[in-house]
Amino acid sequence: MYIAQPGYGPPTQMLPPQPTKAKKQLNVVGLIALIAAVLGFIFACTPGALIVGWILLPIAFVLALVSLFLKDKAKWMGVTALIASIVGTIVGFMVFFAAVGTSLDNALGSGDIKVSGLQGTAAEAGTRENPSPIGSVIESDDWRVVINSVTLAASDAVVAANQFNERPTEGSEYIMVNYSATYIGDDPDGQMAAFVSVEYVTANGTTVNGLDKLVVAPEPIDTTSALYKDGTATGNKAIEVPTATAGQGVLAVRPGMFGDKVFVAVQ
């Protein structure tokens, strides 16, 4: 039997304090990674600033990984930064290849080829069977090419032009093609006339590109200096061709690396 003692209350039981859940601290590394990932993603989507995105995204990826291993730090920013850096890299590659494709198309592609001075119908003109005459203007989006003249039996002039020029092989001769290449594109860095090609196609359909036997023609055309809008390079190109059928071949003119060929008569 319990008898209450005067001045004393009932006995109390002391409970242990409840543990409080520690709040995770700000993950500074994760925050930096997230900021870098967001900025890198934005720059990766901008063709003119791709390089900045490619610098920031790998940094964000590494920092995001580091942030995930920091003890007692919030992880959500690191996870978000990791995802953003990976997606940003994929998008960056897509934008890069799209930009490269566009640049190649603008720099080397030629679009529709326009030719003035054609003979015959539009469907047949400019072909091997019905070549365009000398003096025709061949124009793409970036280049305007004119074959000014073709000199057959030019071996003596070509050999005399440079002491290292060899005589043509037996049964062949050098012809000399004088042409003008005008850059009409809008590349601020300009382009070289080397993007324009002039080849000789024999009567039996064999292409002679002038590289089979390298010789320096008199007053050669400069194909390595940059031309800017409306700039023109004019000069000669020497090509070794079969003597017996020299006048029966045609020139294959390509106004730009990816342009369609237009065939021009040699006489």
C-alpha atoms as a PDB file:
ATOM      1  CA  MET A   1       0.000   0.000   0.000  1.00  0.00           C
ATOM      2  CA  TYR A   2       1.375   3.318  -1.089  1.00  0.00           C
ATOM      3  CA  ILE A   3       1.030   6.183   1.292  1.00  0.00           C
ATOM      4  CA  ALA A   4       1.629   9.570  -0.183  1.00  0.00           C
ATOM      5  CA  GLN A   5       4.184  11.543   1.697  1.00  0.00           C
ATOM      6  CA  PRO A   6       3.257  15.083   2.432  1.00  0.00           C
ATOM      7  CA  GLY A   7       4.998  17.611   0.209  1.00  0.00           C
ATOM      8  CA  TYR A   8       5.996  15.023  -2.397  1.00  0.00           C
ATOM      9  CA  GLY A   9       4.325  14.306  -5.718  1.00  0.00           C
ATOM     10  CA  PRO A  10       4.058  10.975  -7.414  1.00  0.00           C
ATOM     11  CA  PRO A  11       7.322   9.580  -8.735  1.00  0.00           C
ATOM     12  CA  THR A  12       8.132  10.618 -12.332  1.00  0.00           C
ATOM     13  CA  GLN A  13      10.000   8.664 -15.021  1.00  0.00           C
ATOM     14  CA  MET A  14      12.663  10.562 -17.052  1.00  0.00           C
ATOM     15  CA  LEU A  15      12.434   9.800 -20.814  1.00  0.00           C
ATOM     16  CA  PRO A  16      15.569  10.064 -22.978  1.00  0.00           C
ATOM     17  CA  PRO A  17      15.550  13.056 -25.352  1.00  0.00           C
ATOM     18  CA  GLN A  18      14.326  12.351 -28.884  1.00  0.00           C
ATOM     19  CA  PRO A  19      17.157  12.627 -31.466  1.00  0.00           C
ATOM     20  CA  THR A  20      16.659  15.472 -33.922  1.00  0.00           C
ATOM     21  CA  LYS A  21      17.243  14.814 -37.609  1.00  0.00           C
ATOM     22  CA  ALA A  22      20.303  16.743 -38.731  1.00  0.00           C
ATOM     23  CA  LYS A  23      19.647  19.049 -41.661  1.00  0.00           C
ATOM     24  CA  LYS A  24      21.984  18.376 -44.572  1.00  0.00           C
ATOM     25  CA  GLN A  25      24.315  21.219 -45.357  1.00  0.00           C
ATOM     26  CA  LEU A  26      24.420  23.098 -48.656  1.00  0.00           C
ATOM     27  CA  ASN A  27      26.453  21.231 -51.233  1.00  0.00           C
ATOM     28  CA  VAL A  28      28.581  24.037 -52.652  1.00  0.00           C
ATOM     29  CA  VAL A  29      30.323  21.730 -55.126  1.00  0.00           C
ATOM     30  CA  GLY A  30      26.956  20.510 -56.366  1.00  0.00           C
ATOM     31  CA  LEU A  31      25.747  24.083 -56.741  1.00  0.00           C
ATOM     32  CA  ILE A  32      28.799  25.018 -58.808  1.00  0.00           C
ATOM     33  CA  ALA A  33      28.333  21.881 -60.896  1.00  0.00           C
ATOM     34  CA  LEU A  34      24.687  22.751 -61.515  1.00  0.00           C
ATOM     35  CA  ILE A  35      25.489  26.297 -62.578  1.00  0.00           C
ATOM     36  CA  ALA A  36      28.255  25.066 -64.908  1.00  0.00           C
ATOM     37  CA  ALA A  37      25.939  22.422 -66.370  1.00  0.00           C
ATOM     38  CA  VAL A  38      23.138  24.906 -67.056  1.00  0.00           C
ATOM     39  CA  LEU A  39      25.490  27.415 -68.672  1.00  0.00           C
ATOM     40  CA  GLY A  40      27.231  24.653 -70.626  1.00  0.00           C
ATOM     41  CA  PHE A  41      23.882  23.357 -71.865  1.00  0.00           C
ATOM     42  CA  ILE A  42      22.924  26.839 -73.077  1.00  0.00           C
ATOM     43  CA  PHE A  43      26.233  27.407 -74.854  1.00  0.00           C
ATOM     44  CA  ALA A  44      26.151  23.889 -76.339  1.00  0.00           C
ATOM     45  CA  CYS A  45      22.900  24.823 -78.077  1.00  0.00           C
ATOM     46  CA  THR A  46      24.475  27.946 -79.579  1.00  0.00           C
ATOM     47  CA  PRO A  47      26.514  27.184 -82.752  1.00  0.00           C
ATOM     48  CA  GLY A  48      28.712  30.242 -82.297  1.00  0.00           C
ATOM     49  CA  ALA A  49      29.587  29.381 -78.695  1.00  0.00           C
ATOM     50  CA  LEU A  50      29.939  25.594 -78.831  1.00  0.00           C
ATOM     51  CA  ILE A  51      33.498  25.680 -77.538  1.00  0.00           C
ATOM     52  CA  VAL A  52      32.372  27.327 -74.300  1.00  0.00           C
ATOM     53  CA  GLY A  53      29.779  24.606 -73.792  1.00  0.00           C
ATOM     54  CA  TRP A  54      32.373  21.893 -74.402  1.00  0.00           C
ATOM     55  CA  ILE A  55      34.565  23.431 -71.706  1.00  0.00           C
ATOM     56  CA  LEU A  56      31.824  23.853 -69.108  1.00  0.00           C
ATOM     57  CA  LEU A  57      30.023  20.522 -69.556  1.00  0.00           C
ATOM     58  CA  PRO A  58      32.984  18.242 -68.718  1.00  0.00           C
ATOM     59  CA  ILE A  59      33.780  20.441 -65.710  1.00  0.00           C
ATOM     60  CA  ALA A  60      30.154  20.171 -64.567  1.00  0.00           C
ATOM     61  CA  PHE A  61      30.226  16.391 -65.028  1.00  0.00           C
ATOM     62  CA  VAL A  62      33.335  15.944 -62.862  1.00  0.00           C
ATOM     63  CA  LEU A  63      32.116  18.326 -60.150  1.00  0.00           C
ATOM     64  CA  ALA A  64      28.735  16.599 -60.098  1.00  0.00           C
ATOM     65  CA  LEU A  65      30.385  13.238 -59.469  1.00  0.00           C
ATOM     66  CA  VAL A  66      32.514  14.709 -56.700  1.00  0.00           C
ATOM     67  CA  SER A  67      29.489  16.321 -55.049  1.00  0.00           C
ATOM     68  CA  LEU A  68      27.686  12.991 -54.815  1.00  0.00           C
ATOM     69  CA  PHE A  69      30.420  11.563 -52.584  1.00  0.00           C
ATOM     70  CA  LEU A  70      30.509  14.424 -50.094  1.00  0.00           C
ATOM     71  CA  LYS A  71      29.221  13.312 -46.700  1.00  0.00           C
ATOM     72  CA  ASP A  72      26.219  15.052 -45.134  1.00  0.00           C
ATOM     73  CA  LYS A  73      25.702  17.237 -48.173  1.00  0.00           C
ATOM     74  CA  ALA A  74      22.551  17.633 -50.249  1.00  0.00           C
ATOM     75  CA  LYS A  75      22.721  15.471 -53.339  1.00  0.00           C
ATOM     76  CA  TRP A  76      19.904  16.751 -55.562  1.00  0.00           C
ATOM     77  CA  MET A  77      21.955  19.493 -57.182  1.00  0.00           C
ATOM     78  CA  GLY A  78      24.740  17.059 -58.045  1.00  0.00           C
ATOM     79  CA  VAL A  79      22.272  14.609 -59.588  1.00  0.00           C
ATOM     80  CA  THR A  80      20.622  17.382 -61.603  1.00  0.00           C
ATOM     81  CA  ALA A  81      24.008  18.693 -62.747  1.00  0.00           C
ATOM     82  CA  LEU A  82      25.095  15.194 -63.771  1.00  0.00           C
ATOM     83  CA  ILE A  83      21.989  14.677 -65.910  1.00  0.00           C
ATOM     84  CA  ALA A  84      22.224  18.160 -67.424  1.00  0.00           C
ATOM     85  CA  SER A  85      25.892  17.705 -68.339  1.00  0.00           C
ATOM     86  CA  ILE A  86      25.225  14.390 -70.080  1.00  0.00           C
ATOM     87  CA  VAL A  87      22.186  15.653 -71.981  1.00  0.00           C
ATOM     88  CA  GLY A  88      24.011  18.893 -72.796  1.00  0.00           C
ATOM     89  CA  THR A  89      26.930  16.946 -74.274  1.00  0.00           C
ATOM     90  CA  ILE A  90      24.599  14.929 -76.499  1.00  0.00           C
ATOM     91  CA  VAL A  91      22.803  18.081 -77.634  1.00  0.00           C
ATOM     92  CA  GLY A  92      26.159  19.783 -78.194  1.00  0.00           C
ATOM     93  CA  PHE A  93      27.286  17.031 -80.562  1.00  0.00           C
ATOM     94  CA  MET A  94      24.004  17.252 -82.447  1.00  0.00           C
ATOM     95  CA  VAL A  95      24.356  21.016 -82.827  1.00  0.00           C
ATOM     96  CA  PHE A  96      28.013  20.612 -83.829  1.00  0.00           C
ATOM     97  CA  PHE A  97      27.290  18.147 -86.627  1.00  0.00           C
ATOM     98  CA  ALA A  98      24.369  20.248 -87.806  1.00  0.00           C
ATOM     99  CA  ALA A  99      26.615  23.327 -87.885  1.00  0.00           C
ATOM    100  CA  VAL A 100      29.366  21.447 -89.715  1.00  0.00           C
ATOM    101  CA  GLY A 101      26.876  20.184 -92.265  1.00  0.00           C
ATOM    102  CA  THR A 102      25.536  23.689 -92.806  1.00  0.00           C
ATOM    103  CA  SER A 103      29.036  25.145 -93.054  1.00  0.00           C
ATOM    104  CA  LEU A 104      30.103  22.548 -95.610  1.00  0.00           C
ATOM    105  CA  ASP A 105      26.967  23.156 -97.586  1.00  0.00           C
ATOM    106  CA  ASN A 106      27.557  26.916 -97.518  1.00  0.00           C
ATOM    107  CA  ALA A 107      31.302  26.740 -98.099  1.00  0.00           C
ATOM    108  CA  LEU A 108      31.538  23.885-100.568  1.00  0.00           C
ATOM    109  CA  GLY A 109      28.056  23.151-101.724  1.00  0.00           C
ATOM    110  CA  SER A 110      26.928  24.855-104.872  1.00  0.00           C
ATOM    111  CA  GLY A 111      23.179  24.610-104.977  1.00  0.00           C
ATOM    112  CA  ASP A 112      21.620  24.977-108.414  1.00  0.00           C
ATOM    113  CA  ILE A 113      24.085  25.425-111.260  1.00  0.00           C
ATOM    114  CA  LYS A 114      23.304  28.163-113.760  1.00  0.00           C
ATOM    115  CA  VAL A 115      24.949  28.217-117.160  1.00  0.00           C
ATOM    116  CA  SER A 116      24.639  30.913-119.784  1.00  0.00           C
ATOM    117  CA  GLY A 117      25.682  30.507-123.407  1.00  0.00           C
ATOM    118  CA  LEU A 118      24.348  26.952-123.713  1.00  0.00           C
ATOM    119  CA  GLN A 119      23.501  25.266-126.991  1.00  0.00           C
ATOM    120  CA  GLY A 120      20.446  23.078-127.462  1.00  0.00           C
ATOM    121  CA  THR A 121      17.705  22.482-124.942  1.00  0.00           C
ATOM    122  CA  ALA A 122      18.144  23.019-121.213  1.00  0.00           C
ATOM    123  CA  ALA A 123      17.759  19.289-120.603  1.00  0.00           C
ATOM    124  CA  GLU A 124      20.597  18.409-122.977  1.00  0.00           C
ATOM    125  CA  ALA A 125      22.973  21.375-122.774  1.00  0.00           C
ATOM    126  CA  GLY A 126      26.177  21.193-120.755  1.00  0.00           C
ATOM    127  CA  THR A 127      26.477  17.429-121.117  1.00  0.00           C
ATOM    128  CA  ARG A 128      29.332  15.485-122.691  1.00  0.00           C
ATOM    129  CA  GLU A 129      27.207  14.919-125.754  1.00  0.00           C
ATOM    130  CA  ASN A 130      26.246  18.599-126.050  1.00  0.00           C
ATOM    131  CA  PRO A 131      28.884  20.652-124.202  1.00  0.00           C
ATOM    132  CA  SER A 132      28.604  24.324-123.508  1.00  0.00           C
ATOM    133  CA  PRO A 133      30.769  26.528-125.739  1.00  0.00           C
ATOM    134  CA  ILE A 134      33.951  28.255-124.607  1.00  0.00           C
ATOM    135  CA  GLY A 135      33.073  31.513-122.901  1.00  0.00           C
ATOM    136  CA  SER A 136      29.955  30.176-121.172  1.00  0.00           C
ATOM    137  CA  VAL A 137      29.405  31.444-117.629  1.00  0.00           C
ATOM    138  CA  ILE A 138      29.006  28.605-115.107  1.00  0.00           C
ATOM    139  CA  GLU A 139      27.646  29.815-111.789  1.00  0.00           C
ATOM    140  CA  SER A 140      26.848  28.227-108.434  1.00  0.00           C
ATOM    141  CA  ASP A 141      25.915  29.829-105.127  1.00  0.00           C
ATOM    142  CA  ASP A 142      29.581  30.520-104.382  1.00  0.00           C
ATOM    143  CA  TRP A 143      31.500  30.551-107.655  1.00  0.00           C
ATOM    144  CA  ARG A 144      31.325  31.949-111.171  1.00  0.00           C
ATOM    145  CA  VAL A 145      33.596  30.145-113.638  1.00  0.00           C
ATOM    146  CA  VAL A 146      34.372  31.068-117.234  1.00  0.00           C
ATOM    147  CA  ILE A 147      36.544  29.076-119.639  1.00  0.00           C
ATOM    148  CA  ASN A 148      38.186  31.912-121.545  1.00  0.00           C
ATOM    149  CA  SER A 149      40.212  29.896-124.041  1.00  0.00           C
ATOM    150  CA  VAL A 150      41.700  26.478-124.773  1.00  0.00           C
ATOM    151  CA  THR A 151      45.007  26.204-126.615  1.00  0.00           C
ATOM    152  CA  LEU A 152      45.690  22.856-128.228  1.00  0.00           C
ATOM    153  CA  ALA A 153      49.226  21.679-129.055  1.00  0.00           C
ATOM    154  CA  ALA A 154      50.722  23.918-126.372  1.00  0.00           C
ATOM    155  CA  SER A 155      53.582  21.568-125.470  1.00  0.00           C
ATOM    156  CA  ASP A 156      56.424  23.897-126.446  1.00  0.00           C
ATOM    157  CA  ALA A 157      54.960  26.816-124.475  1.00  0.00           C
ATOM    158  CA  VAL A 158      54.377  24.659-121.410  1.00  0.00           C
ATOM    159  CA  VAL A 159      57.831  23.069-121.444  1.00  0.00           C
ATOM    160  CA  ALA A 160      59.467  26.486-121.823  1.00  0.00           C
ATOM    161  CA  ALA A 161      57.480  27.928-118.908  1.00  0.00           C
ATOM    162  CA  ASN A 162      59.491  26.107-116.233  1.00  0.00           C
ATOM    163  CA  GLN A 163      62.821  24.301-116.273  1.00  0.00           C
ATOM    164  CA  PHE A 164      61.342  21.399-114.310  1.00  0.00           C
ATOM    165  CA  ASN A 165      58.480  20.797-116.748  1.00  0.00           C
ATOM    166  CA  GLU A 166      58.919  17.497-118.592  1.00  0.00           C
ATOM    167  CA  ARG A 167      58.063  16.839-122.190  1.00  0.00           C
ATOM    168  CA  PRO A 168      54.725  15.059-122.673  1.00  0.00           C
ATOM    169  CA  THR A 169      54.857  11.317-123.138  1.00  0.00           C
ATOM    170  CA  GLU A 170      54.910   9.955-126.666  1.00  0.00           C
ATOM    171  CA  GLY A 171      51.493  10.215-128.273  1.00  0.00           C
ATOM    172  CA  SER A 172      50.402  12.979-125.912  1.00  0.00           C
ATOM    173  CA  GLU A 173      50.554  16.762-125.838  1.00  0.00           C
ATOM    174  CA  TYR A 174      49.868  19.559-123.417  1.00  0.00           C
ATOM    175  CA  ILE A 175      46.804  21.707-123.841  1.00  0.00           C
ATOM    176  CA  MET A 176      46.468  24.997-121.987  1.00  0.00           C
ATOM    177  CA  VAL A 177      43.165  26.052-120.433  1.00  0.00           C
ATOM    178  CA  ASN A 178      42.735  29.683-119.465  1.00  0.00           C
ATOM    179  CA  TYR A 179      39.866  30.237-117.050  1.00  0.00           C
ATOM    180  CA  SER A 180      38.564  32.701-114.471  1.00  0.00           C
ATOM    181  CA  ALA A 181      37.110  31.795-111.075  1.00  0.00           C
ATOM    182  CA  THR A 182      35.182  34.512-109.232  1.00  0.00           C
ATOM    183  CA  TYR A 183      34.083  34.027-105.632  1.00  0.00           C
ATOM    184  CA  ILE A 184      30.513  35.291-105.218  1.00  0.00           C
ATOM    185  CA  GLY A 185      29.781  33.739-101.801  1.00  0.00           C
ATOM    186  CA  ASP A 186      29.569  35.568 -98.488  1.00  0.00           C
ATOM    187  CA  ASP A 187      32.149  33.773 -96.340  1.00  0.00           C
ATOM    188  CA  PRO A 188      33.920  36.596 -94.436  1.00  0.00           C
ATOM    189  CA  ASP A 189      37.126  34.532 -94.444  1.00  0.00           C
ATOM    190  CA  GLY A 190      36.996  34.070 -98.187  1.00  0.00           C
ATOM    191  CA  GLN A 191      37.690  30.871-100.134  1.00  0.00           C
ATOM    192  CA  MET A 192      40.404  29.569-102.424  1.00  0.00           C
ATOM    193  CA  ALA A 193      39.934  28.967-106.131  1.00  0.00           C
ATOM    194  CA  ALA A 194      41.158  25.430-105.458  1.00  0.00           C
ATOM    195  CA  PHE A 195      37.499  24.604-104.714  1.00  0.00           C
ATOM    196  CA  VAL A 196      36.868  25.030-108.448  1.00  0.00           C
ATOM    197  CA  SER A 197      38.010  22.113-110.599  1.00  0.00           C
ATOM    198  CA  VAL A 198      38.670  21.943-114.342  1.00  0.00           C
ATOM    199  CA  GLU A 199      39.341  18.473-115.761  1.00  0.00           C
ATOM    200  CA  TYR A 200      39.723  17.086-119.258  1.00  0.00           C
ATOM    201  CA  VAL A 201      37.602  14.130-120.358  1.00  0.00           C
ATOM    202  CA  THR A 202      38.938  12.205-123.340  1.00  0.00           C
ATOM    203  CA  ALA A 203      36.833  11.081-126.285  1.00  0.00           C
ATOM    204  CA  ASN A 204      36.622   7.574-124.780  1.00  0.00           C
ATOM    205  CA  GLY A 205      35.420   8.900-121.427  1.00  0.00           C
ATOM    206  CA  THR A 206      38.630   8.885-119.380  1.00  0.00           C
ATOM    207  CA  THR A 207      39.176  11.790-116.995  1.00  0.00           C
ATOM    208  CA  VAL A 208      42.526  13.591-116.979  1.00  0.00           C
ATOM    209  CA  ASN A 209      42.716  15.950-114.014  1.00  0.00           C
ATOM    210  CA  GLY A 210      46.127  17.503-114.528  1.00  0.00           C
ATOM    211  CA  LEU A 211      47.585  15.827-111.436  1.00  0.00           C
ATOM    212  CA  ASP A 212      48.796  12.785-113.353  1.00  0.00           C
ATOM    213  CA  LYS A 213      51.704  14.870-114.584  1.00  0.00           C
ATOM    214  CA  LEU A 214      52.379  18.059-112.666  1.00  0.00           C
ATOM    215  CA  VAL A 215      53.661  20.923-114.768  1.00  0.00           C
ATOM    216  CA  VAL A 216      53.621  24.690-114.338  1.00  0.00           C
ATOM    217  CA  ALA A 217      51.728  26.464-117.078  1.00  0.00           C
ATOM    218  CA  PRO A 218      52.719  29.899-118.361  1.00  0.00           C
ATOM    219  CA  GLU A 219      50.988  32.514-116.205  1.00  0.00           C
ATOM    220  CA  PRO A 220      49.369  29.853-113.995  1.00  0.00           C
ATOM    221  CA  ILE A 221      46.145  30.521-112.135  1.00  0.00           C
ATOM    222  CA  ASP A 222      46.547  31.123-108.405  1.00  0.00           C
ATOM    223  CA  THR A 223      44.347  28.587-106.624  1.00  0.00           C
ATOM    224  CA  THR A 224      45.778  28.910-103.109  1.00  0.00           C
ATOM    225  CA  SER A 225      45.190  32.568-102.230  1.00  0.00           C
ATOM    226  CA  ALA A 226      41.916  33.481-100.532  1.00  0.00           C
ATOM    227  CA  LEU A 227      39.377  35.291-102.661  1.00  0.00           C
ATOM    228  CA  TYR A 228      36.734  37.468-101.068  1.00  0.00           C
ATOM    229  CA  LYS A 229      33.342  38.426-102.475  1.00  0.00           C
ATOM    230  CA  ASP A 230      33.671  39.382-106.164  1.00  0.00           C
ATOM    231  CA  GLY A 231      37.394  38.561-106.158  1.00  0.00           C
ATOM    232  CA  THR A 232      38.635  36.822-109.315  1.00  0.00           C
ATOM    233  CA  ALA A 233      41.590  34.590-110.122  1.00  0.00           C
ATOM    234  CA  THR A 234      42.512  34.185-113.794  1.00  0.00           C
ATOM    235  CA  GLY A 235      45.264  32.086-115.296  1.00  0.00           C
ATOM    236  CA  ASN A 236      46.288  28.981-117.183  1.00  0.00           C
ATOM    237  CA  LYS A 237      46.233  25.288-116.398  1.00  0.00           C
ATOM    238  CA  ALA A 238      48.223  22.755-118.421  1.00  0.00           C
ATOM    239  CA  ILE A 239      46.858  19.231-118.950  1.00  0.00           C
ATOM    240  CA  GLU A 240      48.477  16.328-120.800  1.00  0.00           C
ATOM    241  CA  VAL A 241      46.006  14.761-123.257  1.00  0.00           C
ATOM    242  CA  PRO A 242      46.158  12.238-126.138  1.00  0.00           C
ATOM    243  CA  THR A 243      47.316  14.044-129.287  1.00  0.00           C
ATOM    244  CA  ALA A 244      45.165  12.062-131.738  1.00  0.00           C
ATOM    245  CA  THR A 245      41.893  13.026-130.059  1.00  0.00           C
ATOM    246  CA  ALA A 246      42.858  16.230-128.244  1.00  0.00           C
ATOM    247  CA  GLY A 247      40.161  18.291-129.934  1.00  0.00           C
ATOM    248  CA  GLN A 248      37.477  15.665-129.418  1.00  0.00           C
ATOM    249  CA  GLY A 249      37.507  15.739-125.633  1.00  0.00           C
ATOM    250  CA  VAL A 250      35.609  18.103-123.347  1.00  0.00           C
ATOM    251  CA  LEU A 251      36.319  19.988-120.150  1.00  0.00           C
ATOM    252  CA  ALA A 252      34.474  19.018-116.968  1.00  0.00           C
ATOM    253  CA  VAL A 253      34.010  22.150-114.879  1.00  0.00           C
ATOM    254  CA  ARG A 254      32.836  21.937-111.264  1.00  0.00           C
ATOM    255  CA  PRO A 255      32.058  25.347-109.673  1.00  0.00           C
ATOM    256  CA  GLY A 256      32.626  24.260-106.082  1.00  0.00           C
ATOM    257  CA  MET A 257      33.708  21.001-104.511  1.00  0.00           C
ATOM    258  CA  PHE A 258      30.204  19.531-104.323  1.00  0.00           C
ATOM    259  CA  GLY A 259      28.746  21.245-107.380  1.00  0.00           C
ATOM    260  CA  ASP A 260      27.465  19.400-110.421  1.00  0.00           C
ATOM    261  CA  LYS A 261      29.807  19.153-113.383  1.00  0.00           C
ATOM    262  CA  VAL A 262      29.176  21.182-116.502  1.00  0.00           C
ATOM    263  CA  PHE A 263      30.916  20.088-119.699  1.00  0.00           C
ATOM    264  CA  VAL A 264      32.538  22.653-121.978  1.00  0.00           C
ATOM    265  CA  ALA A 265      33.874  22.128-125.474  1.00  0.00           C
ATOM    266  CA  VAL A 266      37.599  22.595-126.099  1.00  0.00           C
ATOM    267  CA  GLN A 267      37.142  24.195-129.517  1.00  0.00           C
END
